[in-house]
């Protein structure tokens, strides 16, 4: 029975990271302007269904198998993407949009700090998301396209990190940098 729970948790985490990666890539690339005619608004459907619904469900499944951090991360980010996707066409002030992004940046900061024991890849993914949302939020307040573009690049890189983490789990690729060999006379405990 324990093996089934463990496998389910890994599957849920992989699905969640794929959903997060794809959504962040689309959202980030839309903000960079690197693809002619593609904007962040073009990512609304992906954000709503993949980032919102699928990620939220992955979060609920993670809670079900006892993974509090993964459940919090995925359900919370699913709520973010669903809210962003449903409100993308609404007419709100740039300050309201900036505040929305800054509040979610705080959530991403909490995830960054909470992922400290989960490895550098997970922590880096959430740290890049935090920085992306911070720059996008400040960019909204300052009406700065340059900050929005920089935030878009960080979101895209965060998406690549999430995607790599999920793909690495599926393909058994490395997700950590190799450790330094112990010097002479040093023993590892463990």
N, C-alpha and C. Protein backbone atom coordinates (compact mmCIF):
# COMPACT_ATOMS: atom_id res chain seq x y z
N UNK A 1 0.82 -1.18 0.00
CA UNK A 1 0.00 0.00 0.00
C UNK A 1 0.87 1.26 0.00
N UNK A 2 1.93 1.25 0.80
CA UNK A 2 2.80 2.42 0.85
C UNK A 2 3.43 2.71 -0.50
N UNK A 3 3.76 1.67 -1.28
CA UNK A 3 4.35 1.89 -2.59
C UNK A 3 3.38 2.61 -3.52
N UNK A 4 2.09 2.31 -3.43
CA UNK A 4 1.11 2.99 -4.27
C UNK A 4 1.03 4.47 -3.92
N UNK A 5 1.07 4.78 -2.64
CA UNK A 5 1.00 6.18 -2.23
C UNK A 5 2.23 6.93 -2.73
N UNK A 6 3.39 6.32 -2.57
CA UNK A 6 4.62 6.96 -3.04
C UNK A 6 4.60 7.20 -4.54
N UNK A 7 4.17 6.21 -5.28
CA UNK A 7 4.12 6.37 -6.73
C UNK A 7 3.11 7.43 -7.13
N UNK A 8 1.98 7.47 -6.44
CA UNK A 8 0.97 8.48 -6.74
C UNK A 8 1.48 9.87 -6.47
N UNK A 9 2.23 10.01 -5.39
CA UNK A 9 2.79 11.32 -5.04
C UNK A 9 3.77 11.79 -6.10
N UNK A 10 4.62 10.87 -6.58
CA UNK A 10 5.58 11.22 -7.62
C UNK A 10 4.86 11.60 -8.91
N UNK A 11 3.84 10.85 -9.28
CA UNK A 11 3.07 11.13 -10.49
C UNK A 11 2.40 12.49 -10.40
N UNK A 12 1.81 12.75 -9.24
CA UNK A 12 1.13 14.03 -9.03
C UNK A 12 2.11 15.19 -9.12
N UNK A 13 3.27 15.02 -8.52
CA UNK A 13 4.29 16.07 -8.56
C UNK A 13 4.78 16.30 -9.99
N UNK A 14 4.97 15.22 -10.73
CA UNK A 14 5.42 15.35 -12.11
C UNK A 14 4.37 16.05 -12.96
N UNK A 15 3.11 15.65 -12.83
CA UNK A 15 2.04 16.29 -13.57
C UNK A 15 1.94 17.77 -13.20
N UNK A 16 2.03 18.07 -11.92
CA UNK A 16 1.95 19.46 -11.48
C UNK A 16 3.08 20.31 -12.02
N UNK A 17 4.30 19.75 -12.00
CA UNK A 17 5.43 20.53 -12.52
C UNK A 17 5.34 20.72 -14.04
N UNK A 18 4.80 19.72 -14.75
CA UNK A 18 4.59 19.91 -16.19
C UNK A 18 3.57 21.01 -16.45
N UNK A 19 2.47 20.98 -15.71
CA UNK A 19 1.43 22.01 -15.87
C UNK A 19 1.99 23.39 -15.53
N UNK A 20 2.74 23.48 -14.44
CA UNK A 20 3.34 24.76 -14.06
C UNK A 20 4.34 25.22 -15.11
N UNK A 21 5.17 24.31 -15.59
CA UNK A 21 6.18 24.66 -16.58
C UNK A 21 5.58 25.17 -17.87
N UNK A 22 4.59 24.46 -18.40
CA UNK A 22 3.95 24.90 -19.65
C UNK A 22 3.27 26.25 -19.50
N UNK A 23 2.58 26.43 -18.38
CA UNK A 23 1.87 27.69 -18.17
C UNK A 23 2.85 28.85 -18.01
N UNK A 24 3.89 28.64 -17.22
CA UNK A 24 4.88 29.71 -17.05
C UNK A 24 5.59 30.05 -18.35
N UNK A 25 5.90 29.04 -19.15
CA UNK A 25 6.54 29.29 -20.44
C UNK A 25 5.65 30.16 -21.33
N UNK A 26 4.39 29.80 -21.44
CA UNK A 26 3.47 30.57 -22.30
C UNK A 26 3.29 31.99 -21.76
N UNK A 27 3.10 32.11 -20.46
CA UNK A 27 2.91 33.41 -19.80
C UNK A 27 4.17 34.27 -19.96
N UNK A 28 5.33 33.66 -19.70
CA UNK A 28 6.58 34.40 -19.78
C UNK A 28 6.93 34.83 -21.19
N UNK A 29 6.80 33.90 -22.14
CA UNK A 29 7.11 34.24 -23.54
C UNK A 29 6.18 35.34 -24.03
N UNK A 30 4.92 35.30 -23.58
CA UNK A 30 3.97 36.35 -23.96
C UNK A 30 4.39 37.73 -23.46
N UNK A 31 5.03 37.79 -22.31
CA UNK A 31 5.49 39.08 -21.77
C UNK A 31 6.79 39.56 -22.42
N UNK A 32 7.57 38.64 -22.97
CA UNK A 32 8.87 39.06 -23.52
C UNK A 32 8.75 39.73 -24.88
N UNK A 33 7.73 39.37 -25.64
CA UNK A 33 7.60 39.91 -26.98
C UNK A 33 8.55 39.26 -27.97
N UNK A 34 9.16 38.14 -27.59
CA UNK A 34 10.14 37.48 -28.44
C UNK A 34 9.48 36.81 -29.66
N UNK A 35 8.21 36.43 -29.54
CA UNK A 35 7.48 35.86 -30.66
C UNK A 35 6.52 36.93 -31.16
N UNK A 36 6.71 37.33 -32.42
CA UNK A 36 5.91 38.42 -33.00
C UNK A 36 4.42 38.10 -32.93
N UNK A 37 3.66 39.04 -32.39
CA UNK A 37 2.21 38.91 -32.32
C UNK A 37 1.69 38.07 -31.16
N UNK A 38 2.56 37.55 -30.30
CA UNK A 38 2.14 36.75 -29.15
C UNK A 38 2.30 37.58 -27.89
N UNK A 39 1.22 37.70 -27.13
CA UNK A 39 1.24 38.44 -25.88
C UNK A 39 0.85 37.52 -24.73
N UNK A 40 0.98 38.03 -23.52
CA UNK A 40 0.59 37.24 -22.35
C UNK A 40 -0.89 36.90 -22.40
N UNK A 41 -1.70 37.77 -22.98
CA UNK A 41 -3.14 37.51 -23.09
C UNK A 41 -3.43 36.26 -23.92
N UNK A 42 -2.52 35.89 -24.80
CA UNK A 42 -2.70 34.69 -25.60
C UNK A 42 -2.55 33.41 -24.77
N UNK A 43 -2.04 33.54 -23.56
CA UNK A 43 -1.86 32.39 -22.68
C UNK A 43 -3.05 32.15 -21.77
N UNK A 44 -4.13 32.92 -21.94
CA UNK A 44 -5.26 32.83 -21.02
C UNK A 44 -5.87 31.44 -20.97
N UNK A 45 -6.15 30.82 -22.10
CA UNK A 45 -6.77 29.49 -22.09
C UNK A 45 -5.86 28.47 -21.41
N UNK A 46 -4.58 28.51 -21.73
CA UNK A 46 -3.64 27.60 -21.10
C UNK A 46 -3.58 27.86 -19.60
N UNK A 47 -3.54 29.12 -19.20
CA UNK A 47 -3.48 29.47 -17.78
C UNK A 47 -4.73 29.01 -17.06
N UNK A 48 -5.87 29.17 -17.68
CA UNK A 48 -7.14 28.82 -17.06
C UNK A 48 -7.27 27.32 -16.84
N UNK A 49 -7.02 26.53 -17.88
CA UNK A 49 -7.27 25.09 -17.79
C UNK A 49 -6.08 24.26 -17.35
N UNK A 50 -4.90 24.53 -17.87
CA UNK A 50 -3.73 23.76 -17.49
C UNK A 50 -3.14 24.30 -16.19
N UNK A 51 -2.89 25.59 -16.15
CA UNK A 51 -2.33 26.19 -14.95
C UNK A 51 -3.33 26.30 -13.82
N UNK A 52 -4.59 26.54 -14.15
CA UNK A 52 -5.60 26.72 -13.12
C UNK A 52 -6.22 25.41 -12.66
N UNK A 53 -6.96 24.79 -13.54
CA UNK A 53 -7.72 23.59 -13.16
C UNK A 53 -6.79 22.40 -12.91
N UNK A 54 -5.94 22.05 -13.87
CA UNK A 54 -5.09 20.87 -13.73
C UNK A 54 -4.13 21.01 -12.55
N UNK A 55 -3.55 22.17 -12.37
CA UNK A 55 -2.61 22.38 -11.27
C UNK A 55 -3.34 22.33 -9.92
N UNK A 56 -4.53 22.90 -9.86
CA UNK A 56 -5.31 22.85 -8.62
C UNK A 56 -5.67 21.41 -8.27
N UNK A 57 -6.11 20.63 -9.26
CA UNK A 57 -6.44 19.22 -9.02
C UNK A 57 -5.19 18.45 -8.59
N UNK A 58 -4.05 18.72 -9.21
CA UNK A 58 -2.80 18.07 -8.80
C UNK A 58 -2.48 18.42 -7.34
N UNK A 59 -2.77 19.65 -6.94
CA UNK A 59 -2.57 20.06 -5.56
C UNK A 59 -3.47 19.28 -4.60
N UNK A 60 -4.74 19.12 -4.98
CA UNK A 60 -5.66 18.35 -4.14
C UNK A 60 -5.21 16.90 -4.02
N UNK A 61 -4.74 16.33 -5.13
CA UNK A 61 -4.24 14.95 -5.10
C UNK A 61 -2.99 14.83 -4.23
N UNK A 62 -2.15 15.84 -4.26
CA UNK A 62 -0.95 15.83 -3.42
C UNK A 62 -1.34 15.89 -1.95
N UNK A 63 -2.34 16.69 -1.60
CA UNK A 63 -2.83 16.72 -0.22
C UNK A 63 -3.35 15.34 0.18
N UNK A 64 -4.03 14.70 -0.74
CA UNK A 64 -4.63 13.39 -0.46
C UNK A 64 -3.58 12.35 -0.09
N UNK A 65 -2.41 12.40 -0.73
CA UNK A 65 -1.36 11.43 -0.41
C UNK A 65 -0.42 11.92 0.68
N UNK A 66 -0.75 13.04 1.29
CA UNK A 66 0.00 13.50 2.45
C UNK A 66 1.14 14.46 2.18
N UNK A 67 1.22 15.03 1.00
CA UNK A 67 2.29 15.97 0.69
C UNK A 67 1.79 17.40 0.86
N UNK A 68 1.98 17.93 2.06
CA UNK A 68 1.48 19.26 2.38
C UNK A 68 2.11 20.36 1.56
N UNK A 69 3.43 20.32 1.38
CA UNK A 69 4.09 21.39 0.62
C UNK A 69 3.66 21.37 -0.84
N UNK A 70 3.72 20.19 -1.46
CA UNK A 70 3.34 20.10 -2.88
C UNK A 70 1.87 20.46 -3.06
N UNK A 71 1.02 20.01 -2.15
CA UNK A 71 -0.40 20.36 -2.23
C UNK A 71 -0.62 21.86 -2.13
N UNK A 72 0.08 22.48 -1.18
CA UNK A 72 -0.04 23.94 -1.02
C UNK A 72 0.46 24.66 -2.27
N UNK A 73 1.61 24.24 -2.77
CA UNK A 73 2.20 24.89 -3.95
C UNK A 73 1.28 24.77 -5.16
N UNK A 74 0.84 23.57 -5.47
CA UNK A 74 0.05 23.36 -6.68
C UNK A 74 -1.36 23.92 -6.56
N UNK A 75 -2.03 23.71 -5.43
CA UNK A 75 -3.38 24.26 -5.27
C UNK A 75 -3.34 25.79 -5.25
N UNK A 76 -2.36 26.35 -4.57
CA UNK A 76 -2.22 27.81 -4.52
C UNK A 76 -1.91 28.39 -5.89
N UNK A 77 -0.96 27.80 -6.60
CA UNK A 77 -0.62 28.30 -7.93
C UNK A 77 -1.76 28.05 -8.92
N UNK A 78 -2.50 26.96 -8.73
CA UNK A 78 -3.69 26.73 -9.55
C UNK A 78 -4.71 27.84 -9.35
N UNK A 79 -4.89 28.26 -8.09
CA UNK A 79 -5.80 29.38 -7.81
C UNK A 79 -5.30 30.67 -8.46
N UNK A 80 -3.97 30.88 -8.41
CA UNK A 80 -3.40 32.07 -9.06
C UNK A 80 -3.71 32.06 -10.55
N UNK A 81 -3.39 30.95 -11.23
CA UNK A 81 -3.58 30.91 -12.68
C UNK A 81 -5.05 31.01 -13.06
N UNK A 82 -5.93 30.37 -12.28
CA UNK A 82 -7.35 30.45 -12.58
C UNK A 82 -7.85 31.88 -12.42
N UNK A 83 -7.43 32.54 -11.36
CA UNK A 83 -7.83 33.94 -11.13
C UNK A 83 -7.28 34.84 -12.22
N UNK A 84 -6.00 34.66 -12.57
CA UNK A 84 -5.41 35.47 -13.62
C UNK A 84 -6.12 35.22 -14.95
N UNK A 85 -6.40 33.96 -15.25
CA UNK A 85 -7.05 33.62 -16.52
C UNK A 85 -8.46 34.17 -16.64
N UNK A 86 -9.22 34.13 -15.56
CA UNK A 86 -10.59 34.64 -15.62
C UNK A 86 -10.64 36.16 -15.59
N UNK A 87 -9.63 36.78 -15.02
CA UNK A 87 -9.64 38.24 -14.93
C UNK A 87 -8.81 38.94 -15.98
N UNK A 88 -8.22 38.20 -16.90
CA UNK A 88 -7.31 38.79 -17.88
C UNK A 88 -7.98 39.81 -18.77
N UNK A 89 -9.25 39.64 -19.10
CA UNK A 89 -9.93 40.58 -19.99
C UNK A 89 -10.61 41.72 -19.25
N UNK A 90 -10.60 41.65 -17.92
CA UNK A 90 -11.28 42.68 -17.12
C UNK A 90 -10.50 43.99 -17.16
N UNK A 91 -11.22 45.06 -17.06
CA UNK A 91 -10.59 46.38 -17.05
C UNK A 91 -10.33 46.79 -15.60
N UNK A 92 -9.08 46.65 -15.20
CA UNK A 92 -8.66 47.05 -13.86
C UNK A 92 -7.51 48.04 -14.01
N UNK A 93 -7.31 48.81 -12.98
CA UNK A 93 -6.22 49.78 -13.03
C UNK A 93 -4.88 49.06 -13.01
N UNK A 94 -3.86 49.73 -13.49
CA UNK A 94 -2.53 49.12 -13.47
C UNK A 94 -2.06 48.90 -12.04
N UNK A 95 -2.51 49.76 -11.12
CA UNK A 95 -2.13 49.57 -9.72
C UNK A 95 -2.80 48.34 -9.13
N UNK A 96 -4.06 48.08 -9.50
CA UNK A 96 -4.74 46.87 -9.02
C UNK A 96 -4.05 45.62 -9.58
N UNK A 97 -3.67 45.66 -10.85
CA UNK A 97 -2.96 44.54 -11.45
C UNK A 97 -1.60 44.35 -10.78
N UNK A 98 -0.92 45.44 -10.51
CA UNK A 98 0.38 45.37 -9.83
C UNK A 98 0.26 44.80 -8.44
N UNK A 99 -0.77 45.21 -7.70
CA UNK A 99 -0.98 44.69 -6.35
C UNK A 99 -1.27 43.19 -6.39
N UNK A 100 -2.10 42.77 -7.35
CA UNK A 100 -2.40 41.35 -7.52
C UNK A 100 -1.11 40.56 -7.72
N UNK A 101 -0.25 41.02 -8.60
CA UNK A 101 1.01 40.31 -8.88
C UNK A 101 1.95 40.33 -7.67
N UNK A 102 2.01 41.44 -6.97
CA UNK A 102 2.88 41.52 -5.79
C UNK A 102 2.40 40.61 -4.67
N UNK A 103 1.09 40.50 -4.48
CA UNK A 103 0.58 39.60 -3.45
C UNK A 103 0.91 38.15 -3.78
N UNK A 104 0.79 37.79 -5.05
CA UNK A 104 1.16 36.43 -5.44
C UNK A 104 2.66 36.23 -5.42
N UNK A 105 3.42 37.31 -5.58
CA UNK A 105 4.88 37.20 -5.44
C UNK A 105 5.22 36.79 -4.01
N UNK A 106 4.46 37.31 -3.04
CA UNK A 106 4.69 36.91 -1.64
C UNK A 106 4.40 35.42 -1.45
N UNK A 107 3.37 34.92 -2.11
CA UNK A 107 3.07 33.49 -2.05
C UNK A 107 4.25 32.70 -2.63
N UNK A 108 4.77 33.15 -3.76
CA UNK A 108 5.91 32.47 -4.38
C UNK A 108 7.15 32.54 -3.49
N UNK A 109 7.30 33.64 -2.74
CA UNK A 109 8.42 33.75 -1.80
C UNK A 109 8.26 32.70 -0.69
N UNK A 110 7.03 32.53 -0.20
CA UNK A 110 6.79 31.50 0.81
C UNK A 110 7.13 30.12 0.28
N UNK A 111 6.78 29.86 -0.99
CA UNK A 111 7.12 28.57 -1.60
C UNK A 111 8.63 28.41 -1.72
N UNK A 112 9.31 29.49 -2.06
CA UNK A 112 10.78 29.45 -2.18
C UNK A 112 11.41 29.06 -0.85
N UNK A 113 10.95 29.70 0.21
CA UNK A 113 11.50 29.40 1.53
C UNK A 113 11.10 28.00 1.99
N UNK A 114 9.89 27.59 1.67
CA UNK A 114 9.43 26.26 2.05
C UNK A 114 10.10 25.14 1.29
N UNK A 115 10.62 25.43 0.12
CA UNK A 115 11.27 24.40 -0.72
C UNK A 115 12.74 24.22 -0.37
N UNK A 116 13.20 24.86 0.70
CA UNK A 116 14.63 24.81 1.03
C UNK A 116 15.15 23.39 1.17
N UNK A 117 14.37 22.48 1.70
CA UNK A 117 14.83 21.10 1.86
C UNK A 117 14.54 20.23 0.65
N UNK A 118 13.87 20.79 -0.35
CA UNK A 118 13.45 19.99 -1.49
C UNK A 118 14.42 19.99 -2.66
N UNK A 119 15.54 20.60 -2.51
CA UNK A 119 16.53 20.62 -3.58
C UNK A 119 16.61 21.97 -4.27
N UNK A 120 17.74 22.17 -4.91
CA UNK A 120 18.03 23.44 -5.57
C UNK A 120 17.11 23.71 -6.75
N UNK A 121 16.73 22.68 -7.49
CA UNK A 121 15.88 22.87 -8.66
C UNK A 121 14.50 23.38 -8.26
N UNK A 122 13.90 22.77 -7.27
CA UNK A 122 12.57 23.21 -6.81
C UNK A 122 12.65 24.61 -6.23
N UNK A 123 13.63 24.85 -5.40
CA UNK A 123 13.77 26.17 -4.79
C UNK A 123 14.06 27.23 -5.85
N UNK A 124 14.88 26.90 -6.83
CA UNK A 124 15.18 27.84 -7.91
C UNK A 124 13.97 28.16 -8.75
N UNK A 125 13.13 27.15 -9.01
CA UNK A 125 11.91 27.37 -9.79
C UNK A 125 11.02 28.39 -9.10
N UNK A 126 10.80 28.20 -7.80
CA UNK A 126 9.94 29.12 -7.06
C UNK A 126 10.59 30.48 -6.86
N UNK A 127 11.91 30.50 -6.70
CA UNK A 127 12.60 31.79 -6.56
C UNK A 127 12.50 32.61 -7.84
N UNK A 128 12.66 31.95 -8.98
CA UNK A 128 12.51 32.66 -10.26
C UNK A 128 11.08 33.15 -10.46
N UNK A 129 10.11 32.34 -10.04
CA UNK A 129 8.71 32.76 -10.11
C UNK A 129 8.49 33.98 -9.23
N UNK A 130 9.04 33.96 -8.02
CA UNK A 130 8.93 35.12 -7.13
C UNK A 130 9.50 36.38 -7.79
N UNK A 131 10.70 36.27 -8.33
CA UNK A 131 11.33 37.44 -8.97
C UNK A 131 10.53 37.90 -10.19
N UNK A 132 9.98 36.95 -10.96
CA UNK A 132 9.18 37.31 -12.14
C UNK A 132 7.94 38.09 -11.73
N UNK A 133 7.22 37.57 -10.73
CA UNK A 133 5.99 38.25 -10.28
C UNK A 133 6.32 39.61 -9.65
N UNK A 134 7.44 39.68 -8.94
CA UNK A 134 7.87 40.94 -8.34
C UNK A 134 8.13 41.99 -9.43
N UNK A 135 8.90 41.60 -10.45
CA UNK A 135 9.19 42.54 -11.54
C UNK A 135 7.93 42.92 -12.32
N UNK A 136 7.07 41.93 -12.57
CA UNK A 136 5.83 42.23 -13.30
C UNK A 136 4.93 43.15 -12.49
N UNK A 137 4.86 42.93 -11.18
CA UNK A 137 4.04 43.79 -10.32
C UNK A 137 4.58 45.21 -10.25
N UNK A 138 5.88 45.33 -10.02
CA UNK A 138 6.49 46.67 -9.97
C UNK A 138 6.37 47.33 -11.34
N UNK A 139 6.52 46.54 -12.40
CA UNK A 139 6.35 47.08 -13.75
C UNK A 139 4.96 47.64 -13.99
N UNK A 140 3.95 47.01 -13.41
CA UNK A 140 2.58 47.53 -13.52
C UNK A 140 2.46 48.87 -12.81
N UNK A 141 3.00 48.98 -11.61
CA UNK A 141 2.95 50.23 -10.86
C UNK A 141 3.71 51.34 -11.58
N UNK A 142 4.85 50.99 -12.15
CA UNK A 142 5.72 51.98 -12.79
C UNK A 142 5.40 52.18 -14.27
N UNK A 143 4.46 51.40 -14.79
CA UNK A 143 4.12 51.44 -16.22
C UNK A 143 5.39 51.26 -17.07
N UNK A 144 6.16 50.22 -16.70
CA UNK A 144 7.45 49.97 -17.35
C UNK A 144 7.41 48.69 -18.17
N UNK A 145 7.49 48.85 -19.47
CA UNK A 145 7.56 47.70 -20.36
C UNK A 145 8.85 46.91 -20.20
N UNK A 146 9.91 47.60 -19.83
CA UNK A 146 11.20 46.91 -19.63
C UNK A 146 11.14 45.95 -18.45
N UNK A 147 10.51 46.39 -17.35
CA UNK A 147 10.38 45.50 -16.19
C UNK A 147 9.46 44.32 -16.52
N UNK A 148 8.41 44.58 -17.29
CA UNK A 148 7.50 43.50 -17.70
C UNK A 148 8.24 42.48 -18.57
N UNK A 149 9.07 42.97 -19.46
CA UNK A 149 9.84 42.07 -20.33
C UNK A 149 10.82 41.24 -19.50
N UNK A 150 11.52 41.88 -18.55
CA UNK A 150 12.45 41.15 -17.68
C UNK A 150 11.71 40.13 -16.84
N UNK A 151 10.54 40.51 -16.33
CA UNK A 151 9.72 39.57 -15.57
C UNK A 151 9.26 38.40 -16.43
N UNK A 152 8.96 38.69 -17.69
CA UNK A 152 8.57 37.63 -18.62
C UNK A 152 9.70 36.64 -18.84
N UNK A 153 10.91 37.14 -18.99
CA UNK A 153 12.06 36.24 -19.17
C UNK A 153 12.26 35.37 -17.94
N UNK A 154 12.14 35.96 -16.76
CA UNK A 154 12.29 35.17 -15.53
C UNK A 154 11.19 34.12 -15.40
N UNK A 155 9.96 34.48 -15.79
CA UNK A 155 8.86 33.52 -15.76
C UNK A 155 9.13 32.38 -16.73
N UNK A 156 9.63 32.70 -17.91
CA UNK A 156 9.94 31.66 -18.90
C UNK A 156 11.04 30.73 -18.39
N UNK A 157 12.07 31.28 -17.77
CA UNK A 157 13.16 30.44 -17.23
C UNK A 157 12.63 29.59 -16.07
N UNK A 158 11.76 30.16 -15.25
CA UNK A 158 11.14 29.39 -14.18
C UNK A 158 10.31 28.24 -14.76
N UNK A 159 9.60 28.52 -15.84
CA UNK A 159 8.84 27.48 -16.53
C UNK A 159 9.74 26.37 -17.07
N UNK A 160 10.87 26.77 -17.62
CA UNK A 160 11.83 25.76 -18.11
C UNK A 160 12.36 24.90 -16.96
N UNK A 161 12.62 25.53 -15.81
CA UNK A 161 13.11 24.77 -14.66
C UNK A 161 12.04 23.77 -14.18
N UNK A 162 10.78 24.21 -14.11
CA UNK A 162 9.70 23.30 -13.69
C UNK A 162 9.54 22.18 -14.70
N UNK A 163 9.58 22.53 -15.98
CA UNK A 163 9.45 21.52 -17.03
C UNK A 163 10.61 20.52 -16.96
N UNK A 164 11.84 21.02 -16.78
CA UNK A 164 12.99 20.13 -16.69
C UNK A 164 12.84 19.19 -15.50
N UNK A 165 12.41 19.72 -14.36
CA UNK A 165 12.24 18.88 -13.17
C UNK A 165 11.27 17.74 -13.42
N UNK A 166 10.16 18.03 -14.09
CA UNK A 166 9.17 17.00 -14.40
C UNK A 166 9.71 16.00 -15.42
N UNK A 167 10.35 16.52 -16.45
CA UNK A 167 10.90 15.64 -17.48
C UNK A 167 12.01 14.77 -16.91
N UNK A 168 12.83 15.35 -16.05
CA UNK A 168 13.90 14.59 -15.41
C UNK A 168 13.34 13.46 -14.56
N UNK A 169 12.23 13.72 -13.87
CA UNK A 169 11.60 12.66 -13.07
C UNK A 169 11.10 11.53 -13.96
N UNK A 170 10.54 11.88 -15.12
CA UNK A 170 10.04 10.86 -16.04
C UNK A 170 11.17 10.08 -16.71
N UNK A 171 12.24 10.78 -17.06
CA UNK A 171 13.34 10.17 -17.83
C UNK A 171 14.51 9.71 -16.97
N UNK A 172 14.39 9.88 -15.64
CA UNK A 172 15.48 9.53 -14.72
C UNK A 172 16.76 10.30 -15.01
N UNK A 173 16.61 11.58 -15.33
CA UNK A 173 17.75 12.46 -15.52
C UNK A 173 18.15 13.05 -14.17
N UNK A 174 19.35 13.58 -14.08
CA UNK A 174 19.77 14.18 -12.80
C UNK A 174 19.03 15.50 -12.54
N UNK A 175 18.75 15.74 -11.27
CA UNK A 175 18.13 17.01 -10.88
C UNK A 175 18.98 17.76 -9.87
N UNK A 176 20.12 17.22 -9.52
CA UNK A 176 21.01 17.88 -8.56
C UNK A 176 22.42 17.89 -9.14
N UNK A 177 23.16 18.89 -8.75
CA UNK A 177 24.56 18.95 -9.14
C UNK A 177 25.32 17.90 -8.35
N UNK A 178 26.31 17.26 -8.96
CA UNK A 178 27.07 16.25 -8.22
C UNK A 178 27.78 16.89 -7.03
N UNK A 179 27.81 16.14 -5.93
CA UNK A 179 28.46 16.65 -4.71
C UNK A 179 29.97 16.62 -4.84
N UNK A 180 30.61 17.38 -4.01
CA UNK A 180 32.06 17.42 -3.98
C UNK A 180 32.58 16.20 -3.25
N UNK A 181 33.60 15.61 -3.77
CA UNK A 181 34.18 14.44 -3.12
C UNK A 181 34.81 14.84 -1.81
N UNK A 182 34.69 13.96 -0.83
CA UNK A 182 35.26 14.24 0.47
C UNK A 182 36.79 14.18 0.39
N UNK A 183 37.43 15.03 1.12
CA UNK A 183 38.89 15.07 1.13
C UNK A 183 39.47 13.92 1.96
N UNK A 184 40.76 13.84 1.96
CA UNK A 184 41.47 12.77 2.68
C UNK A 184 41.16 12.87 4.18
N UNK A 185 40.84 11.71 4.75
CA UNK A 185 40.58 11.67 6.19
C UNK A 185 39.18 12.10 6.56
N UNK A 186 38.36 12.46 5.59
CA UNK A 186 37.00 12.87 5.87
C UNK A 186 36.07 11.72 5.54
N UNK A 187 35.20 11.40 6.46
CA UNK A 187 34.24 10.33 6.18
C UNK A 187 32.84 10.93 6.16
N UNK A 188 32.01 10.31 5.35
CA UNK A 188 30.62 10.75 5.28
C UNK A 188 29.78 9.87 6.20
N UNK A 189 28.88 10.49 6.89
CA UNK A 189 27.95 9.74 7.74
C UNK A 189 26.61 9.74 7.09
N UNK A 190 25.87 8.72 7.38
CA UNK A 190 24.66 8.83 6.76
C UNK A 190 23.59 8.03 6.60
